[in-house]
Amino acid sequence: MFRKHLIPLATTLLLISSFVLPVHAESTNWYYLVKTYPLMGNDSALTQAMNKLGAKGWELVNCTEGDAEITCIFKRREKE
């Protein structure tokens, strides 16, 4: 009974993956930016600084909190 449904299921998954997964993935080059911000209890200042970077095409990748600061890593596609 299970084998009867296995082939149609496998065929369906293969068909779906051909639409979802690119056959030829293009190589993307990235610029990276590391910024350290002081933690002063003012989230709006940090939000404003990050929004400015986002408007310039920078995407936040990761943040690490230190004693009184936060270090953030951003990336942006290399312009062609």
N, C-alpha and C. Protein backbone atom coordinates (compact mmCIF):
# COMPACT_ATOMS: atom_id res chain seq x y z
N MET A 1 0.82 -1.19 0.00
CA MET A 1 0.00 0.00 0.00
C MET A 1 0.87 1.26 0.00
N PHE A 2 1.91 1.28 0.85
CA PHE A 2 2.79 2.44 0.96
C PHE A 2 3.56 2.66 -0.35
N ARG A 3 4.04 1.60 -0.98
CA ARG A 3 4.81 1.71 -2.23
C ARG A 3 3.98 2.35 -3.34
N LYS A 4 2.69 2.13 -3.32
CA LYS A 4 1.82 2.67 -4.36
C LYS A 4 1.81 4.20 -4.31
N HIS A 5 2.00 4.78 -3.14
CA HIS A 5 1.98 6.23 -2.99
C HIS A 5 3.38 6.85 -3.03
N LEU A 6 4.40 6.03 -2.94
CA LEU A 6 5.76 6.54 -2.86
C LEU A 6 6.21 7.20 -4.17
N ILE A 7 5.95 6.58 -5.31
CA ILE A 7 6.41 7.14 -6.59
C ILE A 7 5.69 8.44 -6.92
N PRO A 8 4.36 8.55 -6.79
CA PRO A 8 3.73 9.85 -7.04
C PRO A 8 4.23 10.94 -6.08
N LEU A 9 4.49 10.57 -4.83
CA LEU A 9 4.99 11.54 -3.87
C LEU A 9 6.38 12.01 -4.27
N ALA A 10 7.26 11.08 -4.64
CA ALA A 10 8.62 11.44 -5.05
C ALA A 10 8.59 12.30 -6.31
N THR A 11 7.72 11.99 -7.23
CA THR A 11 7.59 12.78 -8.47
C THR A 11 7.12 14.19 -8.16
N THR A 12 6.16 14.31 -7.27
CA THR A 12 5.65 15.62 -6.88
C THR A 12 6.74 16.45 -6.20
N LEU A 13 7.50 15.85 -5.29
CA LEU A 13 8.57 16.57 -4.61
C LEU A 13 9.66 17.02 -5.59
N LEU A 14 9.98 16.18 -6.54
CA LEU A 14 10.97 16.53 -7.55
C LEU A 14 10.48 17.70 -8.40
N LEU A 15 9.22 17.68 -8.77
CA LEU A 15 8.64 18.75 -9.56
C LEU A 15 8.63 20.06 -8.79
N ILE A 16 8.24 20.01 -7.53
CA ILE A 16 8.22 21.23 -6.70
C ILE A 16 9.62 21.77 -6.51
N SER A 17 10.59 20.90 -6.26
CA SER A 17 11.96 21.37 -6.03
C SER A 17 12.56 22.02 -7.26
N SER A 18 12.11 21.64 -8.45
CA SER A 18 12.64 22.26 -9.65
C SER A 18 12.19 23.71 -9.77
N PHE A 19 11.06 24.05 -9.15
CA PHE A 19 10.60 25.44 -9.17
C PHE A 19 11.20 26.25 -8.02
N VAL A 20 11.48 25.60 -6.91
CA VAL A 20 11.96 26.29 -5.72
C VAL A 20 13.48 26.47 -5.74
N LEU A 21 14.21 25.44 -6.12
CA LEU A 21 15.66 25.47 -6.08
C LEU A 21 16.23 25.89 -7.43
N PRO A 22 17.08 26.90 -7.48
CA PRO A 22 17.65 27.31 -8.75
C PRO A 22 18.64 26.26 -9.27
N VAL A 23 18.62 26.04 -10.57
CA VAL A 23 19.52 25.06 -11.17
C VAL A 23 20.93 25.61 -11.20
N HIS A 24 21.07 26.86 -11.61
CA HIS A 24 22.38 27.50 -11.68
C HIS A 24 22.38 28.69 -10.74
N ALA A 25 22.89 28.48 -9.56
CA ALA A 25 22.94 29.57 -8.58
C ALA A 25 24.08 30.52 -8.96
N GLU A 26 23.75 31.81 -9.05
CA GLU A 26 24.77 32.79 -9.39
C GLU A 26 25.58 33.12 -8.14
N SER A 27 26.84 33.35 -8.35
CA SER A 27 27.71 33.71 -7.25
C SER A 27 27.45 35.17 -6.86
N THR A 28 27.27 35.42 -5.59
CA THR A 28 27.03 36.77 -5.10
C THR A 28 28.22 37.21 -4.26
N ASN A 29 28.73 38.38 -4.56
CA ASN A 29 29.81 38.95 -3.76
C ASN A 29 29.20 39.94 -2.78
N TRP A 30 29.73 39.94 -1.56
CA TRP A 30 29.20 40.77 -0.49
C TRP A 30 30.27 41.70 0.06
N TYR A 31 29.84 42.88 0.46
CA TYR A 31 30.64 43.76 1.30
C TYR A 31 30.15 43.54 2.73
N TYR A 32 31.07 43.60 3.69
CA TYR A 32 30.69 43.46 5.09
C TYR A 32 31.09 44.71 5.86
N LEU A 33 30.30 45.05 6.86
CA LEU A 33 30.54 46.22 7.68
C LEU A 33 30.33 45.82 9.14
N VAL A 34 31.29 46.15 9.99
CA VAL A 34 31.18 45.88 11.42
C VAL A 34 31.12 47.22 12.14
N LYS A 35 30.05 47.42 12.90
CA LYS A 35 29.85 48.66 13.63
C LYS A 35 29.63 48.34 15.11
N THR A 36 30.20 49.15 15.98
CA THR A 36 30.00 49.01 17.42
C THR A 36 29.26 50.25 17.92
N TYR A 37 28.18 50.01 18.66
CA TYR A 37 27.35 51.08 19.19
C TYR A 37 27.35 51.01 20.70
N PRO A 38 27.39 52.18 21.39
CA PRO A 38 27.28 52.17 22.85
C PRO A 38 25.84 51.87 23.27
N LEU A 39 25.69 51.13 24.33
CA LEU A 39 24.36 50.85 24.89
C LEU A 39 24.08 51.89 25.97
N MET A 40 23.18 52.81 25.66
CA MET A 40 22.88 53.89 26.60
C MET A 40 21.44 53.82 27.08
N GLY A 41 20.75 52.73 26.79
CA GLY A 41 19.36 52.62 27.20
C GLY A 41 18.41 53.37 26.29
N ASN A 42 18.91 53.82 25.13
CA ASN A 42 18.09 54.57 24.18
C ASN A 42 17.95 53.75 22.89
N ASP A 43 16.92 52.94 22.85
CA ASP A 43 16.72 52.08 21.68
C ASP A 43 16.42 52.87 20.42
N SER A 44 15.83 54.05 20.54
CA SER A 44 15.46 54.82 19.36
C SER A 44 16.70 55.30 18.60
N ALA A 45 17.78 55.63 19.30
CA ALA A 45 19.01 56.06 18.63
C ALA A 45 19.63 54.90 17.85
N LEU A 46 19.63 53.73 18.46
CA LEU A 46 20.16 52.54 17.78
C LEU A 46 19.29 52.18 16.58
N THR A 47 17.99 52.24 16.76
CA THR A 47 17.06 51.94 15.67
C THR A 47 17.26 52.92 14.52
N GLN A 48 17.42 54.18 14.83
CA GLN A 48 17.62 55.20 13.80
C GLN A 48 18.92 54.95 13.03
N ALA A 49 19.98 54.59 13.73
CA ALA A 49 21.26 54.31 13.07
C ALA A 49 21.16 53.09 12.16
N MET A 50 20.45 52.06 12.62
CA MET A 50 20.29 50.86 11.79
C MET A 50 19.39 51.12 10.59
N ASN A 51 18.36 51.94 10.78
CA ASN A 51 17.48 52.29 9.66
C ASN A 51 18.22 53.05 8.58
N LYS A 52 19.17 53.93 8.98
CA LYS A 52 19.97 54.66 8.00
C LYS A 52 20.82 53.69 7.17
N LEU A 53 21.41 52.70 7.84
CA LEU A 53 22.20 51.71 7.10
C LEU A 53 21.30 50.86 6.20
N GLY A 54 20.13 50.50 6.68
CA GLY A 54 19.20 49.73 5.87
C GLY A 54 18.77 50.48 4.63
N ALA A 55 18.59 51.79 4.75
CA ALA A 55 18.22 52.60 3.59
C ALA A 55 19.33 52.65 2.55
N LYS A 56 20.56 52.40 2.99
CA LYS A 56 21.70 52.38 2.07
C LYS A 56 21.98 50.97 1.54
N GLY A 57 21.10 50.02 1.88
CA GLY A 57 21.24 48.67 1.34
C GLY A 57 21.94 47.68 2.26
N TRP A 58 22.30 48.09 3.47
CA TRP A 58 22.97 47.19 4.40
C TRP A 58 21.94 46.33 5.12
N GLU A 59 22.22 45.05 5.22
CA GLU A 59 21.35 44.08 5.89
C GLU A 59 22.02 43.59 7.16
N LEU A 60 21.30 43.65 8.28
CA LEU A 60 21.85 43.19 9.55
C LEU A 60 21.98 41.68 9.54
N VAL A 61 23.18 41.19 9.87
CA VAL A 61 23.45 39.76 9.87
C VAL A 61 23.47 39.21 11.30
N ASN A 62 24.16 39.93 12.20
CA ASN A 62 24.32 39.43 13.57
C ASN A 62 24.71 40.57 14.50
N CYS A 63 24.36 40.44 15.77
CA CYS A 63 24.79 41.37 16.81
C CYS A 63 25.29 40.59 18.01
N THR A 64 26.31 41.14 18.65
CA THR A 64 26.85 40.56 19.88
C THR A 64 26.92 41.66 20.92
N GLU A 65 26.36 41.39 22.08
CA GLU A 65 26.33 42.39 23.14
C GLU A 65 27.54 42.22 24.05
N GLY A 66 28.21 43.35 24.31
CA GLY A 66 29.33 43.37 25.25
C GLY A 66 28.88 43.99 26.55
N ASP A 67 29.84 44.52 27.33
CA ASP A 67 29.51 45.13 28.63
C ASP A 67 28.62 46.36 28.47
N ALA A 68 29.05 47.31 27.69
CA ALA A 68 28.28 48.54 27.52
C ALA A 68 28.15 48.91 26.05
N GLU A 69 28.26 47.89 25.19
CA GLU A 69 28.20 48.14 23.76
C GLU A 69 27.62 46.94 23.02
N ILE A 70 27.23 47.18 21.79
CA ILE A 70 26.73 46.11 20.94
C ILE A 70 27.47 46.21 19.60
N THR A 71 28.01 45.09 19.15
CA THR A 71 28.72 45.05 17.88
C THR A 71 27.86 44.32 16.87
N CYS A 72 27.62 44.97 15.73
CA CYS A 72 26.73 44.44 14.71
C CYS A 72 27.48 44.24 13.40
N ILE A 73 27.13 43.18 12.71
CA ILE A 73 27.70 42.88 11.40
C ILE A 73 26.60 43.06 10.36
N PHE A 74 26.91 43.81 9.32
CA PHE A 74 25.98 44.07 8.23
C PHE A 74 26.60 43.55 6.93
N LYS A 75 25.76 43.25 5.95
CA LYS A 75 26.28 42.89 4.63
C LYS A 75 25.44 43.59 3.57
N ARG A 76 26.08 43.78 2.40
CA ARG A 76 25.43 44.43 1.26
C ARG A 76 25.99 43.80 -0.02
N ARG A 77 25.13 43.58 -0.98
CA ARG A 77 25.58 43.04 -2.25
C ARG A 77 26.57 44.00 -2.90
N GLU A 78 27.58 43.40 -3.52
CA GLU A 78 28.55 44.19 -4.26
C GLU A 78 27.85 44.76 -5.49
N LYS A 79 28.02 46.04 -5.72
CA LYS A 79 27.40 46.67 -6.88
C LYS A 79 28.19 46.30 -8.13
N GLU A 80 27.46 45.99 -9.18
CA GLU A 80 28.12 45.57 -10.42
C GLU A 80 28.31 46.73 -11.35
